[in-house]
């Protein structure tokens, strides 16, 4: 008789637990599906060097050549007047970064 009551109590506990689970689970919020983020643009080493030179020397940036500055690794040096001298000289003579013949090719 004791075994029957133990089994009955056990089955009752299992039944209550099975019924309780959906009640608890119903209150959980469903995760919000986020919109897929656009892929980071692939930046080549030469493009990284070009963009750092243009930004560091204050030259005009041709549209579409350089990604967001936060995506490009910063150089370990500072662009001072000595480093920027030739680039600024060429730019002042009309040979800028976006020049069709000698500018940076994408």
N, C-alpha and C. Protein backbone atom coordinates (compact mmCIF):
# COMPACT_ATOMS: atom_id res chain seq x y z
N UNK A 1 0.81 -1.18 0.00
CA UNK A 1 0.00 0.00 0.00
C UNK A 1 0.87 1.26 0.00
N UNK A 2 1.94 1.19 0.77
CA UNK A 2 2.82 2.36 0.81
C UNK A 2 3.47 2.60 -0.56
N UNK A 3 3.79 1.51 -1.26
CA UNK A 3 4.40 1.65 -2.58
C UNK A 3 3.41 2.30 -3.55
N UNK A 4 2.16 1.94 -3.46
CA UNK A 4 1.14 2.50 -4.35
C UNK A 4 0.96 3.99 -4.08
N UNK A 5 0.97 4.40 -2.81
CA UNK A 5 0.81 5.83 -2.51
C UNK A 5 2.05 6.61 -2.93
N UNK A 6 3.21 6.02 -2.79
CA UNK A 6 4.44 6.69 -3.25
C UNK A 6 4.42 6.86 -4.76
N UNK A 7 4.01 5.81 -5.45
CA UNK A 7 3.94 5.88 -6.90
C UNK A 7 2.90 6.91 -7.31
N UNK A 8 1.78 6.93 -6.63
CA UNK A 8 0.73 7.90 -6.93
C UNK A 8 1.21 9.33 -6.70
N UNK A 9 1.92 9.55 -5.60
CA UNK A 9 2.46 10.89 -5.32
C UNK A 9 3.51 11.29 -6.36
N UNK A 10 4.33 10.32 -6.73
CA UNK A 10 5.36 10.58 -7.73
C UNK A 10 4.72 10.97 -9.06
N UNK A 11 3.70 10.21 -9.48
CA UNK A 11 3.03 10.52 -10.74
C UNK A 11 2.33 11.87 -10.67
N UNK A 12 1.77 12.18 -9.51
CA UNK A 12 1.10 13.47 -9.35
C UNK A 12 2.13 14.61 -9.47
N UNK A 13 3.30 14.44 -8.88
CA UNK A 13 4.36 15.46 -8.96
C UNK A 13 4.83 15.63 -10.41
N UNK A 14 4.99 14.52 -11.11
CA UNK A 14 5.42 14.58 -12.51
C UNK A 14 4.36 15.30 -13.34
N UNK A 15 3.09 14.99 -13.09
CA UNK A 15 2.00 15.62 -13.82
C UNK A 15 1.96 17.13 -13.55
N UNK A 16 2.09 17.51 -12.29
CA UNK A 16 2.09 18.94 -11.94
C UNK A 16 3.29 19.64 -12.57
N UNK A 17 4.45 19.00 -12.53
CA UNK A 17 5.65 19.60 -13.13
C UNK A 17 5.48 19.76 -14.63
N UNK A 18 4.89 18.76 -15.28
CA UNK A 18 4.67 18.83 -16.73
C UNK A 18 3.69 19.94 -17.09
N UNK A 19 2.68 20.13 -16.26
CA UNK A 19 1.71 21.18 -16.53
C UNK A 19 2.27 22.56 -16.16
N UNK A 20 3.15 22.63 -15.20
CA UNK A 20 3.70 23.89 -14.73
C UNK A 20 4.70 24.47 -15.73
N UNK A 21 5.41 23.62 -16.45
CA UNK A 21 6.45 24.06 -17.38
C UNK A 21 5.89 24.99 -18.46
N UNK A 22 4.80 24.66 -19.16
CA UNK A 22 4.30 25.60 -20.17
C UNK A 22 3.83 26.92 -19.57
N UNK A 23 3.32 26.89 -18.35
CA UNK A 23 2.86 28.12 -17.71
C UNK A 23 4.04 29.06 -17.47
N UNK A 24 5.15 28.51 -16.98
CA UNK A 24 6.33 29.34 -16.74
C UNK A 24 6.95 29.81 -18.05
N UNK A 25 6.97 28.94 -19.04
CA UNK A 25 7.58 29.28 -20.32
C UNK A 25 6.79 30.32 -21.10
N UNK A 26 5.50 30.44 -20.83
CA UNK A 26 4.66 31.38 -21.58
C UNK A 26 5.01 32.83 -21.25
N UNK A 27 5.58 33.07 -20.08
CA UNK A 27 5.90 34.44 -19.68
C UNK A 27 7.22 34.94 -20.23
N UNK A 28 7.99 34.08 -20.85
CA UNK A 28 9.30 34.50 -21.37
C UNK A 28 9.12 35.30 -22.64
N UNK A 29 9.89 36.35 -22.77
CA UNK A 29 9.82 37.17 -23.97
C UNK A 29 10.59 36.49 -25.10
N UNK A 30 10.06 36.62 -26.29
CA UNK A 30 10.74 36.06 -27.44
C UNK A 30 11.85 37.01 -27.85
N UNK A 31 12.99 36.47 -28.28
CA UNK A 31 14.07 37.36 -28.69
C UNK A 31 13.68 38.14 -29.94
N UNK A 32 14.09 39.38 -29.98
CA UNK A 32 13.80 40.24 -31.12
C UNK A 32 14.76 39.89 -32.24
N UNK A 33 14.20 39.65 -33.41
CA UNK A 33 15.05 39.34 -34.55
C UNK A 33 15.62 40.65 -35.08
N UNK A 34 16.93 40.73 -35.08
CA UNK A 34 17.58 41.96 -35.55
C UNK A 34 17.79 41.87 -37.05
N UNK A 35 17.85 43.03 -37.66
CA UNK A 35 18.13 43.07 -39.10
C UNK A 35 19.61 42.78 -39.30
N UNK A 36 19.95 42.08 -40.34
CA UNK A 36 21.36 41.75 -40.57
C UNK A 36 22.17 43.02 -40.83
N UNK A 37 23.33 43.08 -40.20
CA UNK A 37 24.22 44.23 -40.37
C UNK A 37 24.98 44.11 -41.69
N UNK A 38 25.21 45.22 -42.37
CA UNK A 38 25.99 45.13 -43.60
C UNK A 38 27.42 44.68 -43.28
N UNK A 39 28.00 43.96 -44.20
CA UNK A 39 29.35 43.44 -44.00
C UNK A 39 30.35 44.60 -44.00
N UNK A 40 31.41 44.44 -43.21
CA UNK A 40 32.45 45.46 -43.19
C UNK A 40 33.13 45.48 -44.56
N UNK A 41 33.43 46.68 -45.05
CA UNK A 41 34.13 46.72 -46.34
C UNK A 41 35.54 46.15 -46.20
N UNK A 42 35.97 45.44 -47.22
CA UNK A 42 37.32 44.88 -47.21
C UNK A 42 38.29 45.98 -47.58
N UNK A 43 39.25 46.24 -46.72
CA UNK A 43 40.23 47.30 -46.93
C UNK A 43 41.58 46.64 -47.17
N UNK A 44 42.15 46.89 -48.36
CA UNK A 44 43.46 46.32 -48.68
C UNK A 44 44.55 47.11 -47.96
N UNK A 45 45.75 46.53 -47.92
CA UNK A 45 46.87 47.22 -47.26
C UNK A 45 47.21 48.52 -47.98
N UNK A 46 47.20 48.50 -49.32
CA UNK A 46 47.54 49.72 -50.05
C UNK A 46 46.46 50.79 -49.87
N UNK A 47 45.20 50.36 -49.79
CA UNK A 47 44.12 51.32 -49.55
C UNK A 47 44.22 51.90 -48.15
N UNK A 48 44.61 51.07 -47.17
CA UNK A 48 44.80 51.55 -45.81
C UNK A 48 45.91 52.61 -45.77
N UNK A 49 47.03 52.33 -46.46
CA UNK A 49 48.14 53.30 -46.50
C UNK A 49 47.71 54.60 -47.19
N UNK A 50 46.99 54.46 -48.31
CA UNK A 50 46.53 55.63 -49.04
C UNK A 50 45.61 56.49 -48.18
N UNK A 51 44.63 55.86 -47.55
CA UNK A 51 43.65 56.61 -46.75
C UNK A 51 44.32 57.28 -45.55
N UNK A 52 45.26 56.58 -44.91
CA UNK A 52 45.96 57.20 -43.78
C UNK A 52 46.79 58.40 -44.24
N UNK A 53 47.40 58.32 -45.42
CA UNK A 53 48.18 59.44 -45.96
C UNK A 53 47.27 60.62 -46.26
N UNK A 54 46.15 60.36 -46.92
CA UNK A 54 45.22 61.44 -47.28
C UNK A 54 44.66 62.11 -46.03
N UNK A 55 44.22 61.31 -45.05
CA UNK A 55 43.67 61.88 -43.83
C UNK A 55 44.75 62.57 -43.01
N UNK A 56 45.93 61.95 -42.91
CA UNK A 56 47.01 62.50 -42.08
C UNK A 56 47.57 63.80 -42.61
N UNK A 57 47.60 63.92 -43.95
CA UNK A 57 48.17 65.13 -44.55
C UNK A 57 47.11 66.17 -44.89
N UNK A 58 45.86 65.87 -44.65
CA UNK A 58 44.81 66.84 -44.90
C UNK A 58 44.53 67.06 -46.38
N UNK A 59 44.76 66.05 -47.21
CA UNK A 59 44.49 66.17 -48.65
C UNK A 59 43.02 65.87 -48.91
N UNK A 60 42.51 66.32 -50.07
CA UNK A 60 41.11 66.04 -50.38
C UNK A 60 40.91 64.53 -50.62
N UNK A 61 39.87 63.99 -50.04
CA UNK A 61 39.59 62.55 -50.17
C UNK A 61 38.61 62.36 -51.32
N UNK A 62 39.03 61.62 -52.36
CA UNK A 62 38.09 61.36 -53.46
C UNK A 62 36.91 60.53 -52.96
N UNK A 63 35.69 60.85 -53.39
CA UNK A 63 34.52 60.11 -52.90
C UNK A 63 34.60 58.63 -53.28
N UNK A 64 34.31 57.78 -52.31
CA UNK A 64 34.27 56.34 -52.54
C UNK A 64 35.59 55.62 -52.40
N UNK A 65 36.67 56.35 -52.15
CA UNK A 65 37.99 55.71 -52.06
C UNK A 65 38.26 55.14 -50.67
N UNK A 66 37.86 55.86 -49.64
CA UNK A 66 38.21 55.47 -48.27
C UNK A 66 36.95 55.16 -47.47
N UNK A 67 37.00 54.07 -46.69
CA UNK A 67 35.86 53.76 -45.82
C UNK A 67 35.86 54.67 -44.60
N UNK A 68 34.99 54.40 -43.68
CA UNK A 68 34.91 55.15 -42.43
C UNK A 68 36.26 55.06 -41.71
N UNK A 69 36.81 56.16 -41.23
CA UNK A 69 38.12 56.12 -40.56
C UNK A 69 38.17 55.17 -39.37
N UNK A 70 37.04 54.86 -38.76
CA UNK A 70 37.04 53.94 -37.62
C UNK A 70 37.37 52.51 -38.05
N UNK A 71 37.20 52.19 -39.34
CA UNK A 71 37.45 50.84 -39.83
C UNK A 71 38.89 50.62 -40.28
N UNK A 72 39.67 51.69 -40.34
CA UNK A 72 41.04 51.59 -40.83
C UNK A 72 42.00 51.70 -39.66
N UNK A 73 42.95 50.78 -39.62
CA UNK A 73 43.96 50.77 -38.56
C UNK A 73 44.85 52.01 -38.69
N UNK A 74 45.07 52.68 -37.58
CA UNK A 74 45.88 53.90 -37.58
C UNK A 74 47.37 53.55 -37.65
N UNK A 75 48.17 54.38 -38.31
CA UNK A 75 49.61 54.10 -38.37
C UNK A 75 50.28 54.35 -37.02
N UNK A 76 51.46 53.80 -36.86
CA UNK A 76 52.19 53.93 -35.59
C UNK A 76 53.04 55.21 -35.56
N UNK A 77 52.88 56.05 -36.56
CA UNK A 77 53.63 57.31 -36.62
C UNK A 77 52.67 58.45 -36.93
N UNK A 78 53.17 59.67 -36.84
CA UNK A 78 52.36 60.86 -37.09
C UNK A 78 52.77 61.45 -38.44
N UNK A 79 51.80 61.87 -39.20
CA UNK A 79 52.10 62.53 -40.47
C UNK A 79 52.46 63.98 -40.18
N UNK A 80 53.75 64.27 -40.24
CA UNK A 80 54.22 65.64 -39.99
C UNK A 80 54.49 66.31 -41.34
N UNK A 81 55.02 67.52 -41.31
CA UNK A 81 55.23 68.27 -42.55
C UNK A 81 56.27 67.59 -43.46
N UNK A 82 57.24 66.90 -42.88
CA UNK A 82 58.25 66.21 -43.69
C UNK A 82 57.62 65.04 -44.45
N UNK A 83 56.79 64.26 -43.78
CA UNK A 83 56.15 63.11 -44.43
C UNK A 83 55.15 63.55 -45.50
N UNK A 84 54.52 64.68 -45.31
CA UNK A 84 53.47 65.13 -46.21
C UNK A 84 53.97 66.07 -47.31
N UNK A 85 55.24 66.43 -47.29
CA UNK A 85 55.76 67.43 -48.21
C UNK A 85 55.53 67.06 -49.68
N UNK A 86 55.92 65.86 -50.09
CA UNK A 86 55.78 65.47 -51.49
C UNK A 86 54.31 65.34 -51.90
N UNK A 87 53.49 64.77 -51.02
CA UNK A 87 52.08 64.62 -51.35
C UNK A 87 51.41 65.98 -51.50
N UNK A 88 51.74 66.91 -50.65
CA UNK A 88 51.15 68.26 -50.74
C UNK A 88 51.66 69.00 -51.97
N UNK A 89 52.94 68.81 -52.33
CA UNK A 89 53.51 69.44 -53.51
C UNK A 89 52.80 68.92 -54.77
N UNK A 90 52.66 67.61 -54.88
CA UNK A 90 51.97 67.04 -56.03
C UNK A 90 50.52 67.52 -56.09
N UNK A 91 49.86 67.58 -54.97
CA UNK A 91 48.47 68.04 -54.93
C UNK A 91 48.36 69.50 -55.36
N UNK A 92 49.31 70.32 -54.95
CA UNK A 92 49.27 71.74 -55.34
C UNK A 92 49.51 71.93 -56.83
N UNK A 93 50.14 70.96 -57.48
CA UNK A 93 50.41 71.03 -58.93
C UNK A 93 49.33 70.31 -59.75
N UNK A 94 48.25 69.90 -59.08
CA UNK A 94 47.14 69.31 -59.82
C UNK A 94 47.16 67.79 -59.89
N UNK A 95 48.14 67.17 -59.26
CA UNK A 95 48.22 65.72 -59.27
C UNK A 95 47.74 65.24 -57.90
N UNK A 96 46.41 65.20 -57.75
CA UNK A 96 45.82 64.83 -56.47
C UNK A 96 45.52 63.35 -56.39
N UNK A 97 44.97 62.93 -55.27
CA UNK A 97 44.66 61.52 -55.05
C UNK A 97 43.65 60.96 -56.05
N UNK A 98 42.78 61.77 -56.60
CA UNK A 98 41.77 61.30 -57.53
C UNK A 98 42.13 61.53 -58.98
N UNK A 99 43.37 61.87 -59.29
CA UNK A 99 43.79 62.12 -60.67
C UNK A 99 43.54 60.87 -61.52
N UNK A 100 42.96 61.03 -62.73
CA UNK A 100 42.59 59.84 -63.53
C UNK A 100 43.78 59.01 -64.00
N UNK A 101 44.94 59.61 -64.19
CA UNK A 101 46.09 58.85 -64.70
C UNK A 101 47.04 58.36 -63.61
N UNK A 102 47.35 59.23 -62.65
CA UNK A 102 48.36 58.86 -61.66
C UNK A 102 47.80 58.79 -60.23
N UNK A 103 46.50 58.97 -60.08
CA UNK A 103 45.89 58.87 -58.75
C UNK A 103 45.81 57.43 -58.28
N UNK A 104 45.31 57.25 -57.08
CA UNK A 104 45.18 55.90 -56.51
C UNK A 104 44.10 55.11 -57.25
N UNK A 105 44.47 53.95 -57.78
CA UNK A 105 43.51 53.11 -58.51
C UNK A 105 42.80 52.18 -57.53
N UNK A 106 41.50 52.15 -57.65
CA UNK A 106 40.73 51.25 -56.79
C UNK A 106 40.85 49.83 -57.27
